[in-house]
Amino acid sequence: MAMRVALRCFSANFSPKPHQLSPAAQIRWTRLLWRTDARTLSSASPLSIALKYTDKHEWVRVEGGIGTVGISNFAQEALGDVVYCGLPEVGQKLEEMEEFGALESVKAASELYSPLTGEVTEINTELAENPGLVNKACYAEGWLIKMTIDNPGEVDRLMDEAAYDKFIKSLDQ
């Protein structure tokens, strides 16, 4: 919000096409204005737009050919306070819906399933000392693994946020 106010003040005091700038600088200025406007028009969180879900309650966010995987808020609430995260080794190859680890909580244990086929490139080492991050920030600092995506078509078979919400509601019935 403060950024929008600052940009409005900045924009109000300067012409949108400053004539004293070189043509290259004017193009950069126009791009900056366009990007700023595009950001202010969006009302949805970029994180929630990019997430895809499995029916086992894992999510994946794909950026630059790498998928970041975690568990949904629904899953972490059902588990309760997570006390242990068993994660795979970096370099491990995973198949779509293959079990790759487990989460243990004070209430239960739950297996983790890979939403996509690929290779583990990174694990969240913070979870070894602080597994509660899964509960505190399951879509941010509580992510589990990062992986390559061998078959991009698998992403299209996963549920978007609206479909996942509908799926969760169907479980309550």
Protein backbone atom coordinates (compact mmCIF):
# COMPACT_ATOMS: atom_id res chain seq x y z
CA MET A 1 0.00 0.00 0.00
CA ALA A 2 2.78 2.42 0.92
CA MET A 3 4.50 1.62 -2.35
CA ARG A 4 1.35 2.47 -4.34
CA VAL A 5 1.03 5.80 -2.49
CA ALA A 6 4.68 6.60 -3.16
CA LEU A 7 4.28 5.72 -6.84
CA ARG A 8 1.13 7.84 -7.13
CA CYS A 9 2.96 10.82 -5.59
CA PHE A 10 5.93 10.20 -7.85
CA SER A 11 3.68 9.88 -10.91
CA ALA A 12 1.70 13.01 -10.05
CA ASN A 13 4.85 15.13 -9.94
CA PHE A 14 6.39 13.90 -13.19
CA SER A 15 5.24 13.50 -16.75
CA PRO A 16 4.68 9.85 -17.72
CA LYS A 17 7.01 10.42 -20.71
CA PRO A 18 9.89 12.59 -19.58
CA HIS A 19 11.25 14.36 -22.65
CA GLN A 20 14.72 14.93 -21.26
CA LEU A 21 15.48 11.16 -21.19
CA SER A 22 17.10 9.23 -24.01
CA PRO A 23 14.83 6.91 -26.06
CA ALA A 24 16.25 3.84 -24.26
CA ALA A 25 15.56 5.40 -20.86
CA GLN A 26 12.03 6.33 -21.95
CA ILE A 27 11.38 2.69 -22.92
CA ARG A 28 12.62 1.53 -19.51
CA TRP A 29 10.41 4.19 -17.84
CA THR A 30 7.37 2.97 -19.81
CA ARG A 31 8.10 -0.65 -18.85
CA LEU A 32 8.41 0.36 -15.19
CA LEU A 33 5.03 2.09 -15.31
CA TRP A 34 3.45 -0.89 -17.10
CA ARG A 35 4.84 -3.39 -14.58
CA THR A 36 3.72 -1.24 -11.66
CA ASP A 37 0.20 -0.92 -13.07
CA ALA A 38 -0.01 -4.67 -13.71
CA ARG A 39 0.90 -5.37 -10.12
CA THR A 40 -1.67 -3.00 -8.67
CA LEU A 41 -4.46 -4.44 -10.83
CA SER A 42 -4.01 -7.96 -9.44
CA SER A 43 -6.05 -8.69 -6.33
CA ALA A 44 -5.01 -12.34 -5.89
CA SER A 45 -1.81 -13.48 -4.21
CA PRO A 46 0.86 -14.54 -6.72
CA LEU A 47 1.60 -17.53 -4.48
CA SER A 48 -1.95 -18.84 -4.56
CA ILE A 49 -2.30 -18.34 -8.32
CA ALA A 50 0.75 -20.49 -9.04
CA LEU A 51 -0.07 -23.38 -6.70
CA LYS A 52 -1.28 -26.75 -7.95
CA TYR A 53 -2.53 -29.48 -5.59
CA THR A 54 -2.70 -33.26 -5.40
CA ASP A 55 -5.53 -35.26 -3.86
CA LYS A 56 -3.00 -36.26 -1.16
CA HIS A 57 -2.79 -32.58 -0.09
CA GLU A 58 0.65 -31.72 -1.44
CA TRP A 59 1.09 -28.50 -3.40
CA VAL A 60 3.64 -27.53 -6.02
CA ARG A 61 4.68 -24.09 -7.27
CA VAL A 62 6.53 -24.18 -10.61
CA GLU A 63 9.08 -21.47 -11.36
CA GLY A 64 11.68 -21.74 -14.09
CA GLY A 65 11.42 -25.50 -14.50
CA ILE A 66 11.77 -26.16 -10.76
CA GLY A 67 8.87 -27.25 -8.59
CA THR A 68 8.74 -26.29 -4.92
CA VAL A 69 6.68 -28.84 -2.97
CA GLY A 70 4.90 -28.57 0.37
CA ILE A 71 1.72 -29.63 2.13
CA SER A 72 -1.52 -27.68 2.12
CA ASN A 73 -2.97 -25.75 5.00
CA PHE A 74 -5.73 -28.35 5.19
CA ALA A 75 -3.12 -31.10 5.67
CA GLN A 76 -1.06 -29.26 8.27
CA GLU A 77 -4.19 -28.45 10.29
CA ALA A 78 -5.26 -32.11 10.17
CA LEU A 79 -1.79 -33.24 11.30
CA GLY A 80 -1.44 -30.85 14.19
CA ASP A 81 1.97 -29.77 15.49
CA VAL A 82 4.64 -31.29 13.23
CA VAL A 83 7.58 -32.61 15.27
CA TYR A 84 9.60 -34.46 12.58
CA CYS A 85 10.14 -34.20 8.82
CA GLY A 86 11.62 -37.16 6.96
CA LEU A 87 12.77 -35.88 3.59
CA PRO A 88 14.62 -37.51 0.66
CA GLU A 89 18.25 -36.98 -0.34
CA VAL A 90 19.19 -34.41 -2.96
CA GLY A 91 19.57 -36.22 -6.27
CA GLN A 92 16.85 -38.78 -5.58
CA LYS A 93 14.65 -39.44 -8.63
CA LEU A 94 10.91 -39.41 -7.95
CA GLU A 95 7.97 -40.63 -9.99
CA GLU A 96 4.59 -38.91 -9.98
CA MET A 97 2.70 -39.82 -6.75
CA GLU A 98 5.67 -41.81 -5.40
CA GLU A 99 6.16 -41.67 -1.63
CA PHE A 100 9.21 -39.55 -0.82
CA GLY A 101 9.07 -38.93 2.92
CA ALA A 102 6.91 -38.50 5.98
CA LEU A 103 5.77 -35.94 8.49
CA GLU A 104 5.17 -36.87 12.11
CA SER A 105 3.09 -34.83 14.49
CA VAL A 106 1.84 -35.14 18.03
CA LYS A 107 -1.40 -36.58 16.59
CA ALA A 108 -0.36 -38.72 13.61
CA ALA A 109 2.14 -39.53 10.89
CA SER A 110 1.56 -38.87 7.23
CA GLU A 111 3.41 -39.99 4.10
CA LEU A 112 4.48 -37.43 1.52
CA TYR A 113 3.90 -38.00 -2.19
CA SER A 114 5.65 -36.38 -5.12
CA PRO A 115 3.20 -34.38 -7.23
CA LEU A 116 5.46 -34.68 -10.29
CA THR A 117 8.18 -36.80 -11.88
CA GLY A 118 11.65 -35.35 -11.42
CA GLU A 119 14.80 -35.18 -9.35
CA VAL A 120 15.16 -33.61 -5.90
CA THR A 121 17.44 -30.57 -6.23
CA GLU A 122 17.08 -29.16 -2.71
CA ILE A 123 15.53 -30.00 0.63
CA ASN A 124 14.44 -27.52 3.26
CA THR A 125 17.21 -28.04 5.82
CA GLU A 126 15.50 -25.59 8.21
CA LEU A 127 12.88 -28.26 8.91
CA ALA A 128 15.43 -30.53 10.63
CA GLU A 129 15.75 -28.08 13.52
CA ASN A 130 12.37 -26.40 13.20
CA PRO A 131 9.72 -28.80 11.78
CA GLY A 132 7.01 -26.46 13.11
CA LEU A 133 7.65 -24.21 10.09
CA VAL A 134 5.33 -26.57 8.23
CA ASN A 135 2.54 -25.43 10.57
CA LYS A 136 3.52 -21.76 10.76
CA ALA A 137 4.09 -21.12 7.05
CA CYS A 138 3.20 -24.16 4.95
CA TYR A 139 3.14 -22.11 1.71
CA ALA A 140 6.34 -20.15 2.42
CA GLU A 141 9.17 -21.09 4.80
CA GLY A 142 7.57 -24.50 5.47
CA TRP A 143 8.18 -25.89 1.95
CA LEU A 144 9.61 -29.42 1.84
CA ILE A 145 11.61 -30.04 -1.36
CA LYS A 146 12.51 -28.49 -4.68
CA MET A 147 12.64 -30.69 -7.75
CA THR A 148 13.16 -30.67 -11.49
CA ILE A 149 10.11 -31.32 -13.65
CA ASP A 150 10.66 -34.11 -16.16
CA ASN A 151 7.14 -34.05 -17.60
CA PRO A 152 5.55 -30.55 -17.65
CA GLY A 153 2.22 -32.09 -18.74
CA GLU A 154 1.83 -33.57 -15.26
CA VAL A 155 1.34 -30.05 -13.87
CA ASP A 156 -1.82 -29.64 -15.95
CA ARG A 157 -3.35 -32.74 -14.33
CA LEU A 158 -3.09 -31.24 -10.84
CA MET A 159 -5.87 -29.20 -9.23
CA ASP A 160 -5.81 -25.43 -9.15
CA GLU A 161 -6.85 -23.61 -5.97
CA ALA A 162 -10.57 -23.52 -6.84
CA ALA A 163 -10.68 -27.23 -7.69
CA TYR A 164 -8.74 -28.08 -4.52
CA ASP A 165 -11.13 -26.03 -2.37
CA LYS A 166 -14.04 -27.90 -3.94
CA PHE A 167 -12.23 -31.21 -3.30
CA ILE A 168 -11.73 -30.34 0.39
CA LYS A 169 -15.41 -29.43 0.77
CA SER A 170 -16.38 -32.77 -0.73
CA LEU A 171 -14.36 -34.53 2.00
CA ASP A 172 -16.49 -32.94 4.72
CA GLN A 173 -19.68 -34.46 3.32
